[in-house]
Amino acid sequence: MKFRQIEAFRYTMLQGTTSAAAEKMYISQPAVSRLLSDLEYSLGFQLFDRRKGRLHPTQEASEFFRSVEESFLGFQKLESVADRIRNKTPTELKIACTSAISSSLLPLVLKEHKRFYPEEHITIYTLPMSEIAMKLQTNSIDLAVGLELPQLAGIERKFIGDARFVFAMHAQHRLKDKKVVTAQDLIGESVLAVMDTYPGYWNRLESALAPVKEQIHQGIHIDTSHTAYAIVASGISVGVLEPFAASAWKGKGVILREFKPDISYPYGIAYPTNIKAHASLHNFIQTIKSVVPLMPEFIVRS
């Protein structure tokens, strides 16, 4: 008993003639007749009485047809489910980002994205870059936004822009009247240090402070910029920090100055290598690319 034989039987029962069944199956009428004969042989009972060139279903055919139709309805349901899975936009988008990006770039992107996908559920993970990398490698998220990751297995990266780091201090700090702060100005200061998850990642910052490293105090290490800005706001330390989180600390005792030498770090988007791009994810990525040039914190390479 083969599927094509069952299909010929079903269409014949539904359409009433083998010629009509043949049209539905896009084959010839003799081919349908052969399929029916082969099916009867494999079943071991007669499905049709053949009288004067016409087919008349037997009682056995009517009984068998009920089971056939149930099976086909189940098959059609499977096709419908497969079609929904194949063509639907996922109902949830999982995004990971650093705390700085969560309070600056991300709200702008979400506002624009929601214009096109108002019903979509979005889950946001605010994490340090080391945990973001782990989620990407385990396919736990669709996309990540933050400092550009080093090259890691299972992760695709796309650059979006550089960010020039700034000098952050309390509004009453002794250097508040300087427009540009240099490494030499920090002699004797408590300067925040960044925890280095990936060896050598923060070497640009370390190189800028290297000439005065023995003359500054770096007793406090941080892993998120909002923590850093909170410490700066308390007057405990100063720091050379990324510029994005600064907007959340305006009016809270933090002021910013240009720092020399310039320290810039690349930012980007990342996603699992084997992820299947869909309309919503593509739109989210394009929205990021369109918003980035509008943000003064970013320096977009031409």
Protein backbone atom coordinates (compact mmCIF):
# COMPACT_ATOMS: atom_id res chain seq x y z
CA MET A 1 0.00 0.00 0.00
CA LYS A 2 1.57 3.25 -1.19
CA PHE A 3 0.69 6.88 -0.56
CA ARG A 4 0.00 7.57 -4.25
CA GLN A 5 -2.49 4.67 -4.34
CA ILE A 6 -4.30 6.02 -1.28
CA GLU A 7 -4.33 9.48 -2.85
CA ALA A 8 -5.93 8.08 -6.04
CA PHE A 9 -8.59 6.30 -3.97
CA ARG A 10 -9.38 9.42 -1.96
CA TYR A 11 -9.73 11.67 -5.00
CA THR A 12 -11.91 9.10 -6.75
CA MET A 13 -14.21 8.90 -3.74
CA LEU A 14 -14.38 12.68 -3.44
CA GLN A 15 -14.73 13.50 -7.16
CA GLY A 16 -16.87 10.49 -8.19
CA THR A 17 -14.89 9.49 -11.29
CA THR A 18 -11.36 8.45 -12.15
CA SER A 19 -11.11 11.15 -14.82
CA ALA A 20 -11.86 13.88 -12.25
CA ALA A 21 -9.38 12.28 -9.85
CA ALA A 22 -6.77 12.29 -12.62
CA GLU A 23 -7.21 16.05 -13.09
CA LYS A 24 -6.63 16.65 -9.38
CA MET A 25 -3.51 14.48 -9.39
CA TYR A 26 -2.18 15.82 -12.72
CA ILE A 27 -1.88 12.32 -14.19
CA SER A 28 -3.84 10.33 -16.80
CA GLN A 29 -7.12 8.51 -16.17
CA PRO A 30 -5.56 5.09 -16.96
CA ALA A 31 -2.84 5.83 -14.41
CA VAL A 32 -5.51 6.39 -11.73
CA SER A 33 -7.21 3.14 -12.68
CA ARG A 34 -3.92 1.26 -12.33
CA LEU A 35 -3.28 2.81 -8.91
CA LEU A 36 -6.76 1.73 -7.74
CA SER A 37 -6.25 -1.83 -9.01
CA ASP A 38 -2.87 -2.06 -7.29
CA LEU A 39 -4.40 -0.75 -4.05
CA GLU A 40 -7.19 -3.37 -4.16
CA TYR A 41 -4.60 -6.08 -4.70
CA SER A 42 -2.51 -4.94 -1.73
CA LEU A 43 -5.58 -4.58 0.53
CA GLY A 44 -7.04 -7.95 -0.39
CA PHE A 45 -10.59 -6.68 -0.94
CA GLN A 46 -12.54 -4.89 -3.67
CA LEU A 47 -13.09 -1.14 -3.41
CA PHE A 48 -15.29 -0.58 -6.45
CA ASP A 49 -17.88 -2.45 -8.48
CA ARG A 50 -17.26 -1.72 -12.14
CA ARG A 51 -20.55 -1.61 -14.03
CA LYS A 52 -21.04 -0.15 -17.51
CA GLY A 53 -17.78 1.79 -17.33
CA ARG A 54 -18.58 3.43 -13.99
CA LEU A 55 -17.20 2.82 -10.52
CA HIS A 56 -19.49 2.16 -7.58
CA PRO A 57 -17.86 2.14 -4.12
CA THR A 58 -18.31 -1.06 -2.14
CA GLN A 59 -19.26 -1.14 1.54
CA GLU A 60 -15.61 -1.94 2.27
CA ALA A 61 -14.56 1.19 0.34
CA SER A 62 -16.86 3.40 2.42
CA GLU A 63 -15.50 1.96 5.64
CA PHE A 64 -11.91 2.28 4.46
CA PHE A 65 -12.50 5.85 3.23
CA ARG A 66 -13.43 7.07 6.73
CA SER A 67 -9.99 6.07 8.03
CA VAL A 68 -8.27 7.46 4.94
CA GLU A 69 -9.96 10.84 5.40
CA GLU A 70 -8.98 10.98 9.06
CA SER A 71 -5.38 10.34 8.08
CA PHE A 72 -5.46 13.04 5.40
CA LEU A 73 -6.95 15.58 7.77
CA GLY A 74 -4.07 14.84 10.14
CA PHE A 75 -1.59 15.22 7.29
CA GLN A 76 -3.12 18.55 6.25
CA LYS A 77 -2.84 19.74 9.84
CA LEU A 78 0.85 18.86 9.80
CA GLU A 79 1.30 20.82 6.56
CA SER A 80 -0.45 23.81 8.14
CA VAL A 81 1.77 23.67 11.22
CA ALA A 82 4.88 23.39 9.05
CA ASP A 83 3.77 26.37 6.97
CA ARG A 84 3.25 28.52 10.08
CA ILE A 85 6.68 27.56 11.42
CA ARG A 86 8.30 28.19 8.04
CA ASN A 87 6.76 31.59 7.37
CA LYS A 88 5.87 33.20 10.67
CA THR A 89 7.94 35.91 12.33
CA PRO A 90 9.15 34.72 15.75
CA THR A 91 7.05 36.05 18.60
CA GLU A 92 10.10 36.94 20.72
CA LEU A 93 13.37 38.71 20.02
CA LYS A 94 16.16 38.15 22.55
CA ILE A 95 18.69 40.97 22.77
CA ALA A 96 21.75 41.30 25.01
CA CYS A 97 23.65 44.53 25.59
CA THR A 98 25.96 46.26 28.01
CA SER A 99 24.48 48.51 30.69
CA ALA A 100 25.70 51.64 28.89
CA ILE A 101 24.03 50.67 25.63
CA SER A 102 20.83 49.75 27.49
CA SER A 103 20.43 53.35 28.64
CA SER A 104 21.45 55.11 25.43
CA LEU A 105 21.34 53.42 22.03
CA LEU A 106 18.86 50.64 22.84
CA PRO A 107 15.82 52.80 23.79
CA LEU A 108 16.14 54.72 20.49
CA VAL A 109 16.33 51.50 18.49
CA LEU A 110 13.41 49.90 20.35
CA LYS A 111 11.19 52.91 19.79
CA GLU A 112 11.75 52.74 16.03
CA HIS A 113 11.56 48.93 15.86
CA LYS A 114 8.21 48.85 17.69
CA ARG A 115 6.66 50.96 14.94
CA PHE A 116 6.92 47.92 12.67
CA TYR A 117 6.55 45.11 15.22
CA PRO A 118 4.23 46.47 17.93
CA GLU A 119 3.07 43.04 19.15
CA GLU A 120 6.48 41.41 19.31
CA HIS A 121 7.84 40.35 22.70
CA ILE A 122 11.39 41.55 23.30
CA THR A 123 13.58 40.18 26.07
CA ILE A 124 16.60 42.29 27.01
CA TYR A 125 19.59 40.94 28.93
CA THR A 126 21.89 43.59 30.41
CA LEU A 127 25.22 41.84 30.91
CA PRO A 128 28.99 42.28 30.86
CA MET A 129 30.64 41.35 27.56
CA SER A 130 31.98 38.01 28.86
CA GLU A 131 28.45 36.78 29.65
CA ILE A 132 27.13 38.16 26.37
CA ALA A 133 29.74 36.13 24.50
CA MET A 134 28.64 32.99 26.37
CA LYS A 135 24.98 33.56 25.46
CA LEU A 136 25.93 34.07 21.82
CA GLN A 137 27.96 30.87 21.70
CA THR A 138 25.11 28.86 23.26
CA ASN A 139 22.48 30.37 20.92
CA SER A 140 20.59 31.77 23.92
CA ILE A 141 20.08 35.17 22.27
CA ASP A 142 19.41 36.47 18.77
CA LEU A 143 21.63 39.54 18.86
CA ALA A 144 24.08 41.44 21.04
CA VAL A 145 25.07 45.11 21.02
CA GLY A 146 28.08 46.54 22.81
CA LEU A 147 31.84 46.75 22.72
CA GLU A 148 33.16 44.83 19.74
CA LEU A 149 34.05 41.33 20.83
CA PRO A 150 37.36 39.72 19.94
CA GLN A 151 37.11 37.00 17.30
CA LEU A 152 35.43 34.02 18.98
CA ALA A 153 34.15 30.69 17.67
CA GLY A 154 30.44 30.62 16.84
CA ILE A 155 30.02 34.41 16.74
CA GLU A 156 29.60 36.73 13.75
CA ARG A 157 30.49 40.41 14.25
CA LYS A 158 29.57 43.64 12.46
CA PHE A 159 31.21 46.97 13.31
CA ILE A 160 28.84 49.94 13.86
CA GLY A 161 31.12 52.72 15.13
CA ASP A 162 33.90 53.90 17.40
CA ALA A 163 33.28 55.67 20.70
CA ARG A 164 35.76 58.19 22.11
CA PHE A 165 36.18 57.75 25.85
CA VAL A 166 35.82 60.78 28.14
CA PHE A 167 37.21 61.89 31.48
CA ALA A 168 34.55 61.80 34.22
CA MET A 169 34.86 63.57 37.57
CA HIS A 170 32.76 65.04 40.34
CA ALA A 171 31.45 68.54 39.67
CA GLN A 172 33.59 69.94 42.52
CA HIS A 173 36.78 68.18 41.53
CA ARG A 174 40.01 70.22 41.38
CA LEU A 175 40.25 69.65 37.59
CA LYS A 176 36.74 70.94 36.86
CA ASP A 177 37.99 74.12 35.15
CA LYS A 178 40.17 72.32 32.64
CA LYS A 179 38.73 71.79 29.15
CA VAL A 180 41.13 68.99 28.36
CA VAL A 181 42.49 66.54 30.93
CA THR A 182 45.74 64.65 30.31
CA ALA A 183 47.34 61.66 31.97
CA GLN A 184 49.80 63.99 33.76
CA ASP A 185 46.86 65.78 35.41
CA LEU A 186 45.93 62.53 37.17
CA ILE A 187 49.07 62.22 39.27
CA GLY A 188 48.01 61.56 42.86
CA GLU A 189 44.39 60.73 41.90
CA SER A 190 42.31 57.63 42.54
CA VAL A 191 41.54 56.43 39.01
CA LEU A 192 39.06 53.66 38.26
CA ALA A 193 40.41 50.52 36.57
CA VAL A 194 38.45 48.21 34.28
CA MET A 195 38.36 44.46 34.89
CA ASP A 196 40.00 42.83 31.86
CA THR A 197 37.89 39.84 30.81
CA TYR A 198 39.86 39.29 27.65
CA PRO A 199 43.67 39.65 27.93
CA GLY A 200 44.89 42.86 26.34
CA TYR A 201 41.40 44.16 25.54
CA TRP A 202 41.86 47.40 27.49
CA ASN A 203 45.45 47.97 26.37
CA ARG A 204 44.58 51.34 24.77
CA LEU A 205 43.41 52.68 28.10
CA GLU A 206 46.36 51.15 29.92
CA SER A 207 48.81 52.60 27.38
CA ALA A 208 47.36 56.11 27.85
CA LEU A 209 47.83 55.88 31.63
CA ALA A 210 51.15 54.03 31.48
CA PRO A 211 53.34 57.18 31.87
CA VAL A 212 51.76 57.92 35.28
CA LYS A 213 50.82 54.39 36.36
CA GLU A 214 53.17 54.46 39.37
CA GLN A 215 51.83 57.87 40.45
CA ILE A 216 48.08 57.15 40.43
CA HIS A 217 45.98 54.88 42.64
CA GLN A 218 43.86 52.15 40.99
CA GLY A 219 42.39 50.37 43.95
CA ILE A 220 38.85 50.13 42.54
CA HIS A 221 38.09 47.85 39.57
CA ILE A 222 34.71 48.02 37.83
CA ASP A 223 33.00 45.93 35.15
CA THR A 224 30.08 48.21 34.21
CA SER A 225 30.11 51.89 33.35
CA HIS A 226 27.05 52.76 35.43
CA THR A 227 28.92 51.48 38.48
CA ALA A 228 31.85 53.65 37.45
CA TYR A 229 29.73 56.78 37.04
CA ALA A 230 28.06 56.15 40.42
CA ILE A 231 31.48 56.01 42.07
CA VAL A 232 32.54 59.19 40.25
CA ALA A 233 29.31 60.89 41.40
CA SER A 234 30.22 60.08 45.00
CA GLY A 235 33.56 61.82 44.61
CA ILE A 236 35.58 58.71 45.49
CA SER A 237 37.41 58.36 42.16
CA VAL A 238 37.74 59.73 38.66
CA GLY A 239 37.82 57.69 35.47
CA VAL A 240 38.34 57.56 31.74
CA LEU A 241 35.03 56.02 30.73
CA GLU A 242 32.81 55.24 27.76
CA PRO A 243 30.49 58.18 26.95
CA PHE A 244 27.10 56.47 26.63
CA ALA A 245 26.12 56.03 30.27
CA ALA A 246 27.07 59.64 31.02
CA SER A 247 23.66 60.92 29.87
CA ALA A 248 21.99 59.08 32.76
CA TRP A 249 24.23 60.90 35.24
CA LYS A 250 23.66 64.47 34.10
CA GLY A 251 22.62 66.61 37.05
CA LYS A 252 23.91 64.02 39.52
CA GLY A 253 27.26 65.58 40.24
CA VAL A 254 29.18 64.18 37.25
CA ILE A 255 30.92 66.37 34.68
CA LEU A 256 32.83 65.29 31.57
CA ARG A 257 35.96 66.59 29.90
CA GLU A 258 37.93 65.65 26.81
CA PHE A 259 40.82 63.33 27.57
CA LYS A 260 44.20 63.31 25.83
CA PRO A 261 45.60 61.19 24.33
CA ASP A 262 42.42 60.13 22.50
CA ILE A 263 41.14 56.69 23.45
CA SER A 264 38.54 55.14 21.15
CA TYR A 265 37.02 51.68 21.24
CA PRO A 266 34.97 49.92 18.53
CA TYR A 267 31.33 48.99 19.11
CA GLY A 268 29.36 46.48 17.13
CA ILE A 269 26.56 43.99 16.84
CA ALA A 270 27.10 40.25 17.15
CA TYR A 271 24.95 37.19 16.57
CA PRO A 272 25.36 33.40 16.61
CA THR A 273 27.00 32.08 13.44
CA ASN A 274 24.22 29.59 12.66
CA ILE A 275 21.26 31.87 13.41
CA LYS A 276 18.60 32.15 10.71
CA ALA A 277 17.90 35.79 9.88
CA HIS A 278 14.20 36.66 9.87
CA ALA A 279 12.33 39.84 9.05
CA SER A 280 12.17 41.16 12.61
CA LEU A 281 15.84 40.54 13.35
CA HIS A 282 16.86 42.09 10.03
CA ASN A 283 14.75 45.16 10.80
CA PHE A 284 16.31 45.47 14.27
CA ILE A 285 19.83 45.38 12.81
CA GLN A 286 18.97 47.94 10.11
CA THR A 287 17.45 50.21 12.76
CA ILE A 288 20.66 50.07 14.79
CA LYS A 289 22.64 51.06 11.71
CA SER A 290 20.32 53.98 11.02
CA VAL A 291 20.34 55.28 14.62
CA VAL A 292 24.10 55.06 15.27
CA PRO A 293 25.07 58.00 12.96
CA LEU A 294 22.61 60.23 14.83
CA MET A 295 24.33 59.71 18.18
CA PRO A 296 27.16 62.14 19.00
CA GLU A 297 28.93 59.48 21.07
CA PHE A 298 29.70 57.47 17.93
CA ILE A 299 32.42 58.17 15.42
CA VAL A 300 31.35 56.31 12.28
CA ARG A 301 34.19 55.50 9.92
CA SER A 302 33.57 56.60 6.35
